[in-house]
Amino acid sequence: MNDLKSKIITTTPPSKSGLTPEVQARIGHQLRSMYDEIVRQGVPERFAELIRKLDSSEEDSQATIDEGLQKHRTGATRNHAGGD
């Protein structure tokens, strides 16, 4: 068993991080498993409600900005036309 382990370590050089590709693959597999479990749990309702409120607030803010820009453009056009 130790012979096999030493062969793997000596035949596969570590990367810049100091980890062998086998160790990196194992870590990657474990991280994917953990991530998949979290994704399956879904978003708690209170977080979903907060996200909806933020999205609504952003839409309202953007509409206010758009109105202000439209008024500014209309006012600038009138001022320019009246100055000639």
Protein backbone atom coordinates (compact mmCIF):
# COMPACT_ATOMS: atom_id res chain seq x y z
CA MET A 1 0.00 0.00 0.00
CA ASN A 2 2.76 2.45 0.89
CA ASP A 3 4.54 1.51 -2.33
CA LEU A 4 1.51 2.48 -4.40
CA LYS A 5 1.15 5.76 -2.53
CA SER A 6 4.79 6.65 -3.01
CA LYS A 7 4.56 5.80 -6.74
CA ILE A 8 1.59 8.12 -7.19
CA ILE A 9 3.34 10.92 -5.36
CA THR A 10 6.61 10.48 -7.23
CA THR A 11 5.07 9.97 -10.67
CA THR A 12 2.67 12.93 -10.47
CA PRO A 13 4.47 16.18 -9.76
CA PRO A 14 2.64 18.78 -7.67
CA SER A 15 1.25 21.87 -9.37
CA LYS A 16 2.12 25.47 -8.53
CA SER A 17 -0.21 25.21 -5.51
CA GLY A 18 1.82 22.29 -4.18
CA LEU A 19 -1.07 19.84 -4.61
CA THR A 20 -0.96 16.83 -6.87
CA PRO A 21 -3.62 16.54 -9.57
CA GLU A 22 -5.17 13.65 -7.63
CA VAL A 23 -5.55 15.79 -4.50
CA GLN A 24 -6.94 18.68 -6.56
CA ALA A 25 -9.48 16.33 -8.18
CA ARG A 26 -10.56 14.99 -4.81
CA ILE A 27 -10.99 18.49 -3.38
CA GLY A 28 -12.93 19.49 -6.50
CA HIS A 29 -15.21 16.48 -6.15
CA GLN A 30 -15.91 17.25 -2.49
CA LEU A 31 -16.61 20.93 -3.24
CA ARG A 32 -19.03 19.97 -6.04
CA SER A 33 -20.83 17.60 -3.68
CA MET A 34 -21.19 20.32 -1.05
CA TYR A 35 -22.35 22.87 -3.63
CA ASP A 36 -24.92 20.47 -5.08
CA GLU A 37 -26.36 19.87 -1.62
CA ILE A 38 -26.71 23.61 -1.01
CA VAL A 39 -28.36 24.15 -4.40
CA ARG A 40 -30.87 21.38 -3.68
CA GLN A 41 -31.90 23.16 -0.47
CA GLY A 42 -33.11 26.17 -2.46
CA VAL A 43 -33.50 29.77 -1.35
CA PRO A 44 -35.33 30.34 1.94
CA GLU A 45 -38.59 32.26 1.50
CA ARG A 46 -37.39 35.24 3.55
CA PHE A 47 -34.39 35.65 1.23
CA ALA A 48 -36.60 35.31 -1.84
CA GLU A 49 -38.87 38.06 -0.47
CA LEU A 50 -35.88 40.34 0.15
CA ILE A 51 -34.67 39.74 -3.40
CA ARG A 52 -38.12 40.60 -4.77
CA LYS A 53 -38.15 43.83 -2.75
CA LEU A 54 -34.68 44.77 -3.97
CA ASP A 55 -35.62 44.06 -7.57
CA SER A 56 -38.77 46.16 -7.21
CA SER A 57 -36.79 48.98 -5.62
CA GLU A 58 -34.25 48.88 -8.47
CA GLU A 59 -37.05 49.04 -11.06
CA ASP A 60 -38.65 52.01 -9.26
CA SER A 61 -35.27 53.77 -9.06
CA GLN A 62 -34.59 53.18 -12.74
CA ALA A 63 -38.06 54.52 -13.66
CA THR A 64 -37.38 57.66 -11.60
CA ILE A 65 -34.02 58.13 -13.30
CA ASP A 66 -35.60 57.62 -16.73
CA GLU A 67 -38.31 60.21 -15.94
CA GLY A 68 -35.70 62.70 -14.79
CA LEU A 69 -33.64 62.22 -17.93
CA GLN A 70 -36.72 62.60 -20.12
CA LYS A 71 -37.69 65.84 -18.34
CA HIS A 72 -34.13 67.13 -18.64
CA ARG A 73 -34.01 66.36 -22.36
CA THR A 74 -37.41 67.97 -22.96
CA GLY A 75 -36.42 71.06 -20.96
CA ALA A 76 -33.08 71.33 -22.77
CA THR A 77 -34.83 71.09 -26.15
CA ARG A 78 -37.28 73.86 -25.19
CA ASN A 79 -34.50 76.11 -23.86
CA HIS A 80 -32.43 75.59 -26.97
CA ALA A 81 -35.37 76.21 -29.31
CA GLY A 82 -36.43 79.32 -27.41
CA GLY A 83 -32.94 80.87 -27.43
CA ASP A 84 -32.67 81.16 -31.23
